[in-house]
C-alpha atoms as a PDB file:
ATOM      1  CA  UNK A   1     -74.395  20.448 -12.344  1.00  0.00           C
ATOM      2  CA  UNK A   2     -71.655  19.228 -14.680  1.00  0.00           C
ATOM      3  CA  UNK A   3     -70.532  15.639 -14.271  1.00  0.00           C
ATOM      4  CA  UNK A   4     -66.819  16.224 -13.781  1.00  0.00           C
ATOM      5  CA  UNK A   5     -64.566  13.279 -12.885  1.00  0.00           C
ATOM      6  CA  UNK A   6     -64.562  14.449  -9.242  1.00  0.00           C
ATOM      7  CA  UNK A   7     -68.360  14.706  -9.236  1.00  0.00           C
ATOM      8  CA  UNK A   8     -68.578  11.173 -10.660  1.00  0.00           C
ATOM      9  CA  UNK A   9     -66.470   9.924  -7.737  1.00  0.00           C
ATOM     10  CA  UNK A  10     -68.601  11.843  -5.255  1.00  0.00           C
ATOM     11  CA  UNK A  11     -71.915  10.511  -6.597  1.00  0.00           C
ATOM     12  CA  UNK A  12     -70.679   6.916  -6.667  1.00  0.00           C
ATOM     13  CA  UNK A  13     -69.212   7.162  -3.175  1.00  0.00           C
ATOM     14  CA  UNK A  14     -72.484   8.550  -1.820  1.00  0.00           C
ATOM     15  CA  UNK A  15     -74.374   5.632  -3.360  1.00  0.00           C
ATOM     16  CA  UNK A  16     -71.837   3.206  -1.865  1.00  0.00           C
ATOM     17  CA  UNK A  17     -72.156   4.520   1.687  1.00  0.00           C
ATOM     18  CA  UNK A  18     -75.959   4.597   1.453  1.00  0.00           C
ATOM     19  CA  UNK A  19     -76.560   1.271  -0.284  1.00  0.00           C
ATOM     20  CA  UNK A  20     -73.669  -0.861   0.982  1.00  0.00           C
ATOM     21  CA  UNK A  21     -72.796   0.648   4.360  1.00  0.00           C
ATOM     22  CA  UNK A  22     -76.388   1.682   5.230  1.00  0.00           C
ATOM     23  CA  UNK A  23     -75.503   5.273   6.130  1.00  0.00           C
ATOM     24  CA  UNK A  24     -78.768   7.274   6.419  1.00  0.00           C
ATOM     25  CA  UNK A  25     -79.169   9.449   3.312  1.00  0.00           C
ATOM     26  CA  UNK A  26     -80.915  12.177   5.302  1.00  0.00           C
ATOM     27  CA  UNK A  27     -77.783  12.728   7.385  1.00  0.00           C
ATOM     28  CA  UNK A  28     -75.447  13.289   4.425  1.00  0.00           C
ATOM     29  CA  UNK A  29     -74.660  16.788   3.166  1.00  0.00           C
ATOM     30  CA  UNK A  30     -72.838  17.679  -0.034  1.00  0.00           C
ATOM     31  CA  UNK A  31     -70.524  20.672  -0.364  1.00  0.00           C
ATOM     32  CA  UNK A  32     -71.096  21.903   3.165  1.00  0.00           C
ATOM     33  CA  UNK A  33     -69.785  25.441   3.381  1.00  0.00           C
ATOM     34  CA  UNK A  34     -67.448  26.443   6.185  1.00  0.00           C
ATOM     35  CA  UNK A  35     -65.155  29.325   6.990  1.00  0.00           C
ATOM     36  CA  UNK A  36     -61.496  28.402   7.496  1.00  0.00           C
ATOM     37  CA  UNK A  37     -58.735  31.013   7.995  1.00  0.00           C
ATOM     38  CA  UNK A  38     -61.121  33.731   6.762  1.00  0.00           C
ATOM     39  CA  UNK A  39     -61.723  31.792   3.536  1.00  0.00           C
ATOM     40  CA  UNK A  40     -64.924  30.132   2.394  1.00  0.00           C
ATOM     41  CA  UNK A  41     -64.362  26.393   1.833  1.00  0.00           C
ATOM     42  CA  UNK A  42     -66.634  23.491   0.904  1.00  0.00           C
ATOM     43  CA  UNK A  43     -66.239  19.931   2.080  1.00  0.00           C
ATOM     44  CA  UNK A  44     -67.288  17.343  -0.522  1.00  0.00           C
ATOM     45  CA  UNK A  45     -69.355  15.080   1.733  1.00  0.00           C
ATOM     46  CA  UNK A  46     -70.177  15.322   5.429  1.00  0.00           C
ATOM     47  CA  UNK A  47     -71.982  12.515   7.245  1.00  0.00           C
ATOM     48  CA  UNK A  48     -73.752  13.533  10.463  1.00  0.00           C
ATOM     49  CA  UNK A  49     -74.729  11.520  13.510  1.00  0.00           C
ATOM     50  CA  UNK A  50     -78.342  11.270  14.699  1.00  0.00           C
ATOM     51  CA  UNK A  51     -77.989  14.513  16.651  1.00  0.00           C
ATOM     52  CA  UNK A  52     -76.998  16.308  13.454  1.00  0.00           C
ATOM     53  CA  UNK A  53     -73.381  16.745  14.453  1.00  0.00           C
ATOM     54  CA  UNK A  54     -70.655  16.140  11.831  1.00  0.00           C
ATOM     55  CA  UNK A  55     -69.285  12.596  12.204  1.00  0.00           C
ATOM     56  CA  UNK A  56     -67.304  11.991   8.994  1.00  0.00           C
ATOM     57  CA  UNK A  57     -65.746  14.079   6.224  1.00  0.00           C
ATOM     58  CA  UNK A  58     -65.203  12.523   2.791  1.00  0.00           C
ATOM     59  CA  UNK A  59     -62.886  14.345   0.408  1.00  0.00           C
ATOM     60  CA  UNK A  60     -63.264  13.286  -3.235  1.00  0.00           C
ATOM     61  CA  UNK A  61     -60.695  13.673  -5.987  1.00  0.00           C
ATOM     62  CA  UNK A  62     -60.857  12.765  -9.663  1.00  0.00           C
ATOM     63  CA  UNK A  63     -59.629   9.243 -10.538  1.00  0.00           C
ATOM     64  CA  UNK A  64     -56.493  10.641 -12.206  1.00  0.00           C
ATOM     65  CA  UNK A  65     -55.541  12.604  -9.084  1.00  0.00           C
ATOM     66  CA  UNK A  66     -52.949  10.944  -6.912  1.00  0.00           C
ATOM     67  CA  UNK A  67     -53.910  10.875  -3.236  1.00  0.00           C
ATOM     68  CA  UNK A  68     -51.115  12.850  -1.663  1.00  0.00           C
ATOM     69  CA  UNK A  69     -50.472  14.490   1.657  1.00  0.00           C
ATOM     70  CA  UNK A  70     -52.111  17.655   0.273  1.00  0.00           C
ATOM     71  CA  UNK A  71     -55.472  15.852  -0.061  1.00  0.00           C
ATOM     72  CA  UNK A  72     -55.242  14.699   3.555  1.00  0.00           C
ATOM     73  CA  UNK A  73     -54.251  18.183   4.665  1.00  0.00           C
ATOM     74  CA  UNK A  74     -57.336  19.588   2.939  1.00  0.00           C
ATOM     75  CA  UNK A  75     -59.624  17.105   4.705  1.00  0.00           C
ATOM     76  CA  UNK A  76     -57.814  17.625   8.013  1.00  0.00           C
ATOM     77  CA  UNK A  77     -58.317  21.391   7.732  1.00  0.00           C
ATOM     78  CA  UNK A  78     -62.073  20.756   7.514  1.00  0.00           C
ATOM     79  CA  UNK A  79     -61.747  18.528  10.578  1.00  0.00           C
ATOM     80  CA  UNK A  80     -60.271  21.440  12.513  1.00  0.00           C
ATOM     81  CA  UNK A  81     -63.567  23.258  11.986  1.00  0.00           C
ATOM     82  CA  UNK A  82     -66.047  20.354  12.166  1.00  0.00           C
ATOM     83  CA  UNK A  83     -64.290  18.046  14.697  1.00  0.00           C
ATOM     84  CA  UNK A  84     -65.321  14.758  13.073  1.00  0.00           C
ATOM     85  CA  UNK A  85     -64.390  11.259  14.176  1.00  0.00           C
ATOM     86  CA  UNK A  86     -63.503   9.993  10.670  1.00  0.00           C
ATOM     87  CA  UNK A  87     -61.851  11.306   7.508  1.00  0.00           C
ATOM     88  CA  UNK A  88     -61.969   9.547   4.158  1.00  0.00           C
ATOM     89  CA  UNK A  89     -60.027  10.608   1.083  1.00  0.00           C
ATOM     90  CA  UNK A  90     -60.915   8.883  -2.185  1.00  0.00           C
ATOM     91  CA  UNK A  91     -60.283   9.174  -5.892  1.00  0.00           C
ATOM     92  CA  UNK A  92     -62.785   6.439  -6.679  1.00  0.00           C
ATOM     93  CA  UNK A  93     -60.005   3.904  -7.185  1.00  0.00           C
ATOM     94  CA  UNK A  94     -58.160   4.186  -3.887  1.00  0.00           C
ATOM     95  CA  UNK A  95     -59.641   5.086  -0.541  1.00  0.00           C
ATOM     96  CA  UNK A  96     -57.989   5.951   2.741  1.00  0.00           C
ATOM     97  CA  UNK A  97     -59.831   6.205   6.025  1.00  0.00           C
ATOM     98  CA  UNK A  98     -58.531   7.771   9.231  1.00  0.00           C
ATOM     99  CA  UNK A  99     -59.996   7.748  12.694  1.00  0.00           C
ATOM    100  CA  UNK A 100     -59.422  10.693  15.019  1.00  0.00           C
ATOM    101  CA  UNK A 101     -58.606   9.401  18.461  1.00  0.00           C
ATOM    102  CA  UNK A 102     -56.382  10.628  21.294  1.00  0.00           C
ATOM    103  CA  UNK A 103     -55.764  13.915  19.459  1.00  0.00           C
ATOM    104  CA  UNK A 104     -54.320  12.255  16.352  1.00  0.00           C
ATOM    105  CA  UNK A 105     -55.383  10.534  13.167  1.00  0.00           C
ATOM    106  CA  UNK A 106     -54.728   6.848  12.624  1.00  0.00           C
ATOM    107  CA  UNK A 107     -55.308   5.022   9.353  1.00  0.00           C
ATOM    108  CA  UNK A 108     -57.821   2.202   9.629  1.00  0.00           C
ATOM    109  CA  UNK A 109     -58.369  -0.701   7.236  1.00  0.00           C
ATOM    110  CA  UNK A 110     -62.140  -0.543   6.789  1.00  0.00           C
ATOM    111  CA  UNK A 111     -64.824   2.081   6.576  1.00  0.00           C
ATOM    112  CA  UNK A 112     -66.649   2.333   9.898  1.00  0.00           C
ATOM    113  CA  UNK A 113     -70.189   1.128  10.336  1.00  0.00           C
ATOM    114  CA  UNK A 114     -72.564   4.025  10.806  1.00  0.00           C
ATOM    115  CA  UNK A 115     -72.996   4.872  14.454  1.00  0.00           C
ATOM    116  CA  UNK A 116     -75.013   7.485  16.228  1.00  0.00           C
END
């Protein structure tokens, strides 16, 4: 695997959620494949709950990439397939977290504690 700027962000974010937020490493998948609109896609990071169901999607961009609506759309399209409770979009410098509640996403200030 080549250490691209996006991969650097992904690896550091994984370490952050495991070491700082205490997310269980065994419930984290990287580049989970999914079919969306007849196209094969891969989500950067998916965190699962204790039943193995997707709970959070984390979309990683390179540090030079501006976090635009397109990045959120990409993560939201994965949500349509996986039905997660949380979306995070990060470029390693800025992070945005959304919670899916009442059929809509709302930005929240902090990353959620891991819950089952």
